[in-house]
């Protein structure tokens, strides 16, 4: 059983320039031609990571992959010229991420953070700041993190309490964030703070992580990785020109960012999960086809849904509460896949210290990170089905 192929999209790609090994003619024919060209380049340029990487080495590999793809031009397609991009639809980014994921070139979870943070900077930062900073994320020279969740303010983001106080042309920040991915590696942080009461009292900043007063403490997860951190802010000074948007725009920024976190980056993750399904199928008994088929259908369902989200992005349409459906389907499919692996390969999870065991443990968080399954179902009920609060 080989089911890693993805639905092909069609459409034109307009490229204003070419760089490195990228020729404009490779992209102007459409998405399918772009995919073919990317595959040919990856076949000729080996970016395969070494075996048994630590999490630190996964982050190093991510930087290596981004640098190579940026230097060759691939990472620049699908992004606007104003931030160093080469233009074309967002679907090009989805295709590139899918090819990276299916070849296991970079861990898809951390690779896909670019789909969350770069669009936020492009929309909310000043044009000058976005033009300066976004290329540093695209080319792998920097990692960024997202300072949203706090102790007691995870899914209930509106209750955050990290405070920013204005002092002349600067702001001073005090508080704590938690579950901040890659904070120990991050050069910058998209940070939500409280500057007043209610939703209109939330303000976002783009913070340098080497600013005095910031303390980062990694947290070890049950799959034995330090992917998340606690971050403490003690009288951290931020220039006023690092505010994203205007005072009070933080809630709006979050509502624009979270749909990307809950959907647009999933295309890479889904492609990666299909490769894992192929691996399980390769060592399973043919009599297990029904369970494998159920896992396939769950993944195919979320991929079909994710494809619709990618088409919305390609059409320039905003993402909104409908992305909570993407999130619920992904969590369900991911957990079903690794439950199937546990059932069909006895002892692979419980007895062996294997990559499959690590994947199974990580899948337990799929219904928590990015907003819990309960929160997503509430959003679907209230904002999509108009069922009210009860």
Protein backbone atom coordinates (compact mmCIF):
# COMPACT_ATOMS: atom_id res chain seq x y z
CA UNK A 1 0.00 0.00 0.00
CA UNK A 2 1.46 3.32 -1.05
CA UNK A 3 -0.74 6.30 -0.35
CA UNK A 4 1.61 9.23 0.08
CA UNK A 5 0.59 11.02 -3.12
CA UNK A 6 -1.35 14.26 -2.67
CA UNK A 7 -4.07 15.92 -4.73
CA UNK A 8 -2.52 18.04 -7.44
CA UNK A 9 -3.67 21.62 -7.82
CA UNK A 10 -3.83 23.54 -11.07
CA UNK A 11 -3.37 27.20 -11.76
CA UNK A 12 -0.81 29.66 -12.98
CA UNK A 13 2.19 30.91 -11.08
CA UNK A 14 3.55 34.34 -11.86
CA UNK A 15 7.21 34.75 -11.03
CA UNK A 16 8.80 38.16 -11.23
CA UNK A 17 12.37 36.91 -11.09
CA UNK A 18 14.48 33.78 -10.72
CA UNK A 19 17.43 32.95 -8.51
CA UNK A 20 19.95 30.12 -8.17
CA UNK A 21 18.63 26.94 -9.75
CA UNK A 22 15.09 28.27 -10.06
CA UNK A 23 14.07 29.21 -13.57
CA UNK A 24 10.91 31.25 -14.03
CA UNK A 25 9.75 28.86 -16.74
CA UNK A 26 9.63 26.05 -14.18
CA UNK A 27 6.86 27.79 -12.25
CA UNK A 28 4.83 29.59 -14.91
CA UNK A 29 3.26 26.37 -16.20
CA UNK A 30 1.30 25.65 -13.03
CA UNK A 31 1.39 24.00 -9.64
CA UNK A 32 2.02 20.52 -11.04
CA UNK A 33 5.04 21.74 -12.98
CA UNK A 34 6.33 23.49 -9.88
CA UNK A 35 6.07 20.22 -7.95
CA UNK A 36 7.94 18.35 -10.68
CA UNK A 37 10.71 20.94 -10.67
CA UNK A 38 11.03 20.86 -6.87
CA UNK A 39 11.25 17.07 -6.90
CA UNK A 40 13.95 17.13 -9.56
CA UNK A 41 15.98 19.66 -7.58
CA UNK A 42 15.66 17.66 -4.36
CA UNK A 43 16.73 14.52 -6.21
CA UNK A 44 19.91 16.31 -7.26
CA UNK A 45 20.58 18.09 -3.95
CA UNK A 46 20.71 15.73 -1.00
CA UNK A 47 19.36 17.37 2.17
CA UNK A 48 18.75 14.10 4.01
CA UNK A 49 19.41 14.43 7.75
CA UNK A 50 21.64 12.10 9.67
CA UNK A 51 20.18 9.22 11.72
CA UNK A 52 18.81 9.46 15.26
CA UNK A 53 18.79 13.24 15.56
CA UNK A 54 18.36 14.91 18.92
CA UNK A 55 15.80 17.70 19.07
CA UNK A 56 18.58 20.30 18.92
CA UNK A 57 19.84 18.59 15.78
CA UNK A 58 16.33 18.63 14.29
CA UNK A 59 16.32 22.41 14.71
CA UNK A 60 19.78 22.64 13.10
CA UNK A 61 18.51 20.49 10.22
CA UNK A 62 15.53 22.80 9.79
CA UNK A 63 17.88 25.77 9.38
CA UNK A 64 19.99 23.82 6.90
CA UNK A 65 16.96 22.89 4.79
CA UNK A 66 15.55 26.42 4.78
CA UNK A 67 18.91 27.91 3.80
CA UNK A 68 19.35 25.53 0.90
CA UNK A 69 15.80 26.04 -0.37
CA UNK A 70 16.03 29.81 0.01
CA UNK A 71 19.37 30.04 -1.77
CA UNK A 72 17.94 27.98 -4.64
CA UNK A 73 14.83 30.18 -4.68
CA UNK A 74 12.21 27.57 -3.79
CA UNK A 75 11.48 28.97 -0.33
CA UNK A 76 10.75 32.38 -1.84
CA UNK A 77 7.86 31.28 -4.08
CA UNK A 78 4.39 31.97 -2.74
CA UNK A 79 5.60 34.98 -0.71
CA UNK A 80 5.21 38.62 -1.81
CA UNK A 81 8.10 40.52 -3.34
CA UNK A 82 7.86 43.11 -0.55
CA UNK A 83 9.44 40.59 1.85
CA UNK A 84 11.93 39.09 -0.59
CA UNK A 85 9.53 36.61 -2.16
CA UNK A 86 9.07 35.64 -5.79
CA UNK A 87 5.28 35.83 -5.84
CA UNK A 88 2.78 33.22 -6.93
CA UNK A 89 -0.04 31.58 -4.95
CA UNK A 90 0.26 30.26 -1.43
CA UNK A 91 -0.29 26.75 -2.83
CA UNK A 92 3.36 26.76 -3.91
CA UNK A 93 4.38 26.90 -0.25
CA UNK A 94 2.10 23.95 0.48
CA UNK A 95 3.69 21.92 -2.31
CA UNK A 96 7.19 22.69 -1.10
CA UNK A 97 6.33 21.81 2.49
CA UNK A 98 4.75 18.56 1.38
CA UNK A 99 7.86 17.52 -0.50
CA UNK A 100 10.04 18.35 2.51
CA UNK A 101 7.75 16.33 4.79
CA UNK A 102 7.42 13.23 2.61
CA UNK A 103 11.21 13.01 2.31
CA UNK A 104 11.71 13.47 6.07
CA UNK A 105 14.03 16.40 5.41
CA UNK A 106 12.75 18.46 8.36
CA UNK A 107 10.40 17.76 11.24
CA UNK A 108 7.03 18.98 9.88
CA UNK A 109 5.80 20.54 13.12
CA UNK A 110 8.65 22.99 13.40
CA UNK A 111 8.98 23.48 9.63
CA UNK A 112 5.35 24.59 9.42
CA UNK A 113 5.72 27.39 12.00
CA UNK A 114 6.72 29.58 9.09
CA UNK A 115 3.12 29.34 7.85
CA UNK A 116 1.90 30.81 11.13
CA UNK A 117 4.40 33.56 11.89
CA UNK A 118 5.42 34.97 8.50
CA UNK A 119 1.84 35.87 7.38
CA UNK A 120 1.31 37.56 10.75
CA UNK A 121 4.39 39.73 10.29
CA UNK A 122 3.45 40.61 6.73
CA UNK A 123 -0.02 41.76 7.82
CA UNK A 124 0.71 43.51 11.12
CA UNK A 125 4.32 44.73 11.13
CA UNK A 126 5.33 47.96 9.46
CA UNK A 127 6.38 47.36 5.84
CA UNK A 128 9.97 48.24 6.75
CA UNK A 129 10.09 45.79 9.66
CA UNK A 130 8.46 42.99 7.65
CA UNK A 131 10.88 43.52 4.76
CA UNK A 132 13.82 43.33 7.14
CA UNK A 133 12.70 40.36 9.24
CA UNK A 134 10.68 37.92 7.13
CA UNK A 135 13.62 36.95 4.86
CA UNK A 136 15.57 35.96 7.99
CA UNK A 137 12.85 33.45 8.84
CA UNK A 138 12.54 32.18 5.28
CA UNK A 139 16.29 31.66 4.81
CA UNK A 140 16.77 29.76 8.07
CA UNK A 141 19.09 32.29 9.67
CA UNK A 142 16.56 32.81 12.48
CA UNK A 143 13.94 30.83 14.35
CA UNK A 144 10.97 32.64 15.88
CA UNK A 145 8.52 31.70 18.61
CA UNK A 146 4.96 32.61 19.54
CA UNK A 147 4.30 33.93 23.05
CA UNK A 148 0.57 33.37 23.53
CA UNK A 149 -0.30 30.76 26.20
CA UNK A 150 0.17 31.44 29.90
CA UNK A 151 -0.33 29.40 33.07
CA UNK A 152 -4.10 29.42 33.43
CA UNK A 153 -4.56 31.12 30.04
CA UNK A 154 -4.07 28.45 27.42
CA UNK A 155 -7.22 27.82 25.44
CA UNK A 156 -8.78 30.80 27.26
CA UNK A 157 -6.40 33.19 25.57
CA UNK A 158 -8.46 36.29 26.36
CA UNK A 159 -7.60 35.93 30.06
CA UNK A 160 -3.85 36.48 29.52
CA UNK A 161 -2.15 38.68 32.11
CA UNK A 162 1.40 39.40 30.87
CA UNK A 163 1.41 43.19 31.03
CA UNK A 164 2.99 45.90 28.89
CA UNK A 165 3.18 49.45 30.26
CA UNK A 166 4.09 52.44 28.13
CA UNK A 167 6.96 54.62 29.30
CA UNK A 168 7.66 57.34 26.79
CA UNK A 169 8.63 55.79 23.44
CA UNK A 170 9.14 52.37 25.01
CA UNK A 171 7.03 49.62 26.54
CA UNK A 172 8.03 47.58 29.59
CA UNK A 173 6.80 43.98 29.78
CA UNK A 174 6.35 41.76 32.84
CA UNK A 175 4.79 38.31 33.03
CA UNK A 176 5.13 34.68 32.02
CA UNK A 177 4.36 32.53 28.99
CA UNK A 178 4.32 28.74 28.76
CA UNK A 179 4.23 26.04 26.06
CA UNK A 180 6.27 28.38 23.86
CA UNK A 181 7.65 26.22 21.05
CA UNK A 182 11.35 26.62 20.18
CA UNK A 183 11.80 29.56 22.57
CA UNK A 184 15.30 28.36 23.52
CA UNK A 185 16.33 28.60 19.86
CA UNK A 186 14.33 31.69 18.93
CA UNK A 187 15.81 35.03 17.92
CA UNK A 188 12.42 36.80 17.92
CA UNK A 189 8.99 36.35 19.51
CA UNK A 190 5.49 37.38 18.45
CA UNK A 191 4.19 38.28 21.91
CA UNK A 192 0.71 39.03 23.22
CA UNK A 193 0.47 41.37 26.22
CA UNK A 194 -2.22 43.11 28.21
CA UNK A 195 -2.32 46.89 27.94
CA UNK A 196 -5.89 47.39 29.17
CA UNK A 197 -9.08 45.53 30.08
CA UNK A 198 -10.96 43.11 27.85
CA UNK A 199 -10.27 41.99 24.30
CA UNK A 200 -9.46 45.55 23.24
CA UNK A 201 -6.75 45.66 25.90
CA UNK A 202 -4.50 43.05 24.24
CA UNK A 203 -1.51 44.35 22.26
CA UNK A 204 1.11 42.43 20.26
CA UNK A 205 4.84 43.07 19.97
CA UNK A 206 7.71 41.62 17.96
CA UNK A 207 10.35 41.08 20.59
CA UNK A 208 14.08 40.31 20.36
CA UNK A 209 14.71 37.27 22.55
CA UNK A 210 18.15 38.50 23.64
CA UNK A 211 16.59 41.54 25.33
CA UNK A 212 17.67 41.82 29.00
CA UNK A 213 15.09 40.47 31.44
CA UNK A 214 14.00 37.41 29.43
CA UNK A 215 14.52 33.97 31.00
CA UNK A 216 13.78 30.79 29.02
CA UNK A 217 13.32 27.41 30.74
CA UNK A 218 12.79 24.37 28.48
CA UNK A 219 10.15 21.80 29.44
CA UNK A 220 10.66 18.08 28.82
CA UNK A 221 7.61 16.40 27.29
CA UNK A 222 6.56 12.79 27.77
CA UNK A 223 8.17 11.91 24.43
CA UNK A 224 11.47 13.16 25.91
CA UNK A 225 11.96 16.35 23.92
CA UNK A 226 12.41 19.94 25.02
CA UNK A 227 10.17 21.38 22.35
CA UNK A 228 8.27 23.74 24.68
CA UNK A 229 9.45 26.33 27.16
CA UNK A 230 8.42 28.61 29.97
CA UNK A 231 9.42 32.20 29.26
CA UNK A 232 9.65 34.88 31.96
CA UNK A 233 9.65 38.65 31.31
CA UNK A 234 11.05 40.91 34.02
CA UNK A 235 11.03 44.62 33.08
CA UNK A 236 11.73 43.79 29.43
CA UNK A 237 12.00 46.98 27.38
CA UNK A 238 10.57 47.00 23.85
CA UNK A 239 10.73 49.97 21.43
CA UNK A 240 7.34 51.34 20.39
CA UNK A 241 8.12 50.65 16.73
CA UNK A 242 8.11 46.91 17.51
CA UNK A 243 4.37 46.95 18.18
CA UNK A 244 2.44 44.84 15.68
CA UNK A 245 -0.47 46.91 14.51
CA UNK A 246 -1.86 49.45 16.94
CA UNK A 247 -2.53 49.33 20.68
CA UNK A 248 -5.39 46.91 21.24
CA UNK A 249 -4.90 45.01 17.96
CA UNK A 250 -3.55 41.92 19.74
CA UNK A 251 -6.84 40.04 19.86
CA UNK A 252 -7.45 40.69 16.17
CA UNK A 253 -3.92 39.49 15.42
CA UNK A 254 -4.52 36.32 17.43
CA UNK A 255 -7.79 35.62 15.63
CA UNK A 256 -5.95 35.95 12.31
CA UNK A 257 -2.97 33.85 13.43
CA UNK A 258 -4.75 30.94 15.13
CA UNK A 259 -6.64 29.78 12.02
CA UNK A 260 -3.27 29.38 10.29
CA UNK A 261 -1.93 27.45 13.28
CA UNK A 262 -5.01 25.21 13.12
CA UNK A 263 -5.06 24.59 9.38
CA UNK A 264 -2.69 25.95 6.74
CA UNK A 265 0.39 24.26 8.18
CA UNK A 266 -1.41 20.88 8.37
CA UNK A 267 -0.76 20.05 4.71
CA UNK A 268 2.85 19.24 5.63
CA UNK A 269 1.83 17.23 8.69
CA UNK A 270 -0.73 15.20 6.76
CA UNK A 271 1.80 14.32 4.06
CA UNK A 272 4.20 13.19 6.77
CA UNK A 273 1.52 11.03 8.43
CA UNK A 274 0.79 9.28 5.14
CA UNK A 275 4.43 8.19 4.98
CA UNK A 276 4.05 6.74 8.46
CA UNK A 277 0.93 4.86 7.39
CA UNK A 278 2.90 3.35 4.51
CA UNK A 279 5.55 2.19 6.98
CA UNK A 280 2.97 0.51 9.21
CA UNK A 281 1.30 -1.12 6.21
CA UNK A 282 4.64 -2.48 4.99
CA UNK A 283 5.13 -4.60 8.13
CA UNK A 284 1.48 -5.52 8.79
CA UNK A 285 -0.41 -8.70 7.98
CA UNK A 286 -2.65 -8.46 4.86
CA UNK A 287 -5.52 -9.52 7.11
CA UNK A 288 -5.21 -6.14 8.81
CA UNK A 289 -6.38 -4.25 5.72
CA UNK A 290 -9.61 -3.10 7.37
CA UNK A 291 -7.84 -1.28 10.20
CA UNK A 292 -5.33 0.17 7.77
CA UNK A 293 -8.19 1.24 5.53
CA UNK A 294 -9.92 3.01 8.41
CA UNK A 295 -6.70 4.89 9.21
CA UNK A 296 -6.33 5.78 5.53
CA UNK A 297 -9.88 7.12 5.34
CA UNK A 298 -9.31 9.31 8.40
CA UNK A 299 -6.16 10.78 6.85
CA UNK A 300 -7.80 11.16 3.46
CA UNK A 301 -10.70 13.04 5.06
CA UNK A 302 -8.47 15.58 6.77
CA UNK A 303 -6.37 15.93 3.62
CA UNK A 304 -9.46 16.70 1.57
CA UNK A 305 -10.50 19.28 4.13
CA UNK A 306 -6.98 20.74 4.22
CA UNK A 307 -6.96 20.96 0.44
CA UNK A 308 -10.04 23.18 0.65
CA UNK A 309 -8.20 25.43 3.09
CA UNK A 310 -5.22 25.68 0.74
CA UNK A 311 -7.58 26.66 -2.07
CA UNK A 312 -9.02 29.44 0.12
CA UNK A 313 -5.52 30.77 0.69
CA UNK A 314 -4.74 30.53 -3.02
CA UNK A 315 -7.86 32.57 -3.76
CA UNK A 316 -6.78 35.22 -1.25
CA UNK A 317 -9.69 34.50 1.09
CA UNK A 318 -9.35 34.87 4.87
CA UNK A 319 -9.31 31.90 7.21
CA UNK A 320 -11.71 31.83 10.11
CA UNK A 321 -13.58 29.53 12.52
CA UNK A 322 -14.02 26.85 9.86
CA UNK A 323 -10.38 25.91 10.47
CA UNK A 324 -11.46 24.37 13.77
CA UNK A 325 -12.87 21.55 11.63
CA UNK A 326 -9.39 21.02 10.17
CA UNK A 327 -7.94 20.85 13.68
CA UNK A 328 -10.46 18.30 14.99
CA UNK A 329 -10.04 16.08 11.92
CA UNK A 330 -6.24 16.18 12.11
CA UNK A 331 -6.13 15.27 15.80
CA UNK A 332 -8.58 12.41 15.23
CA UNK A 333 -6.68 11.04 12.23
CA UNK A 334 -3.24 11.32 13.83
CA UNK A 335 -4.28 9.51 16.98
CA UNK A 336 -6.14 6.84 15.01
CA UNK A 337 -3.06 6.22 12.87
CA UNK A 338 -0.77 5.59 15.82
CA UNK A 339 -3.43 3.61 17.69
CA UNK A 340 -3.53 1.40 14.59
CA UNK A 341 0.26 1.06 14.64
CA UNK A 342 0.11 0.02 18.30
CA UNK A 343 -2.55 -2.60 17.57
CA UNK A 344 -0.98 -4.06 14.43
CA UNK A 345 2.65 -4.13 15.55
CA UNK A 346 2.52 -5.66 19.04
CA UNK A 347 5.12 -4.31 21.44
CA UNK A 348 6.27 -1.54 19.12
CA UNK A 349 4.91 1.12 21.46
CA UNK A 350 5.04 -0.54 24.86
CA UNK A 351 8.31 -2.48 24.70
CA UNK A 352 10.61 -0.81 22.18
CA UNK A 353 12.38 2.54 22.47
CA UNK A 354 11.63 3.29 18.84
CA UNK A 355 10.70 6.24 16.66
CA UNK A 356 7.20 4.78 16.47
CA UNK A 357 6.91 4.97 20.24
CA UNK A 358 7.98 8.62 20.14
CA UNK A 359 5.42 9.33 17.42
CA UNK A 360 2.65 7.61 19.41
CA UNK A 361 3.39 9.65 22.51
CA UNK A 362 3.51 12.90 20.54
CA UNK A 363 0.16 12.08 18.89
CA UNK A 364 -1.52 12.23 22.31
CA UNK A 365 -0.94 15.99 22.25
CA UNK A 366 -2.66 16.43 18.88
CA UNK A 367 -6.00 17.08 20.58
CA UNK A 368 -4.41 19.64 22.94
CA UNK A 369 -1.90 21.86 21.14
CA UNK A 370 -3.22 24.78 19.11
CA UNK A 371 -6.42 24.76 21.17
CA UNK A 372 -7.98 21.68 22.72
CA UNK A 373 -10.49 19.49 20.91
CA UNK A 374 -13.17 20.70 23.32
CA UNK A 375 -12.46 24.33 22.46
CA UNK A 376 -12.52 23.54 18.73
CA UNK A 377 -15.87 21.79 19.02
CA UNK A 378 -17.27 24.75 20.93
CA UNK A 379 -16.10 27.08 18.15
CA UNK A 380 -17.73 24.84 15.55
CA UNK A 381 -20.98 24.71 17.53
CA UNK A 382 -21.20 28.42 18.31
CA UNK A 383 -19.62 30.15 15.35
CA UNK A 384 -20.36 27.77 12.50
CA UNK A 385 -23.58 26.02 13.55
CA UNK A 386 -24.97 28.97 15.54
CA UNK A 387 -25.98 26.71 18.42
CA UNK A 388 -25.37 29.30 21.12
CA UNK A 389 -23.46 28.89 24.36
CA UNK A 390 -25.45 26.03 25.89
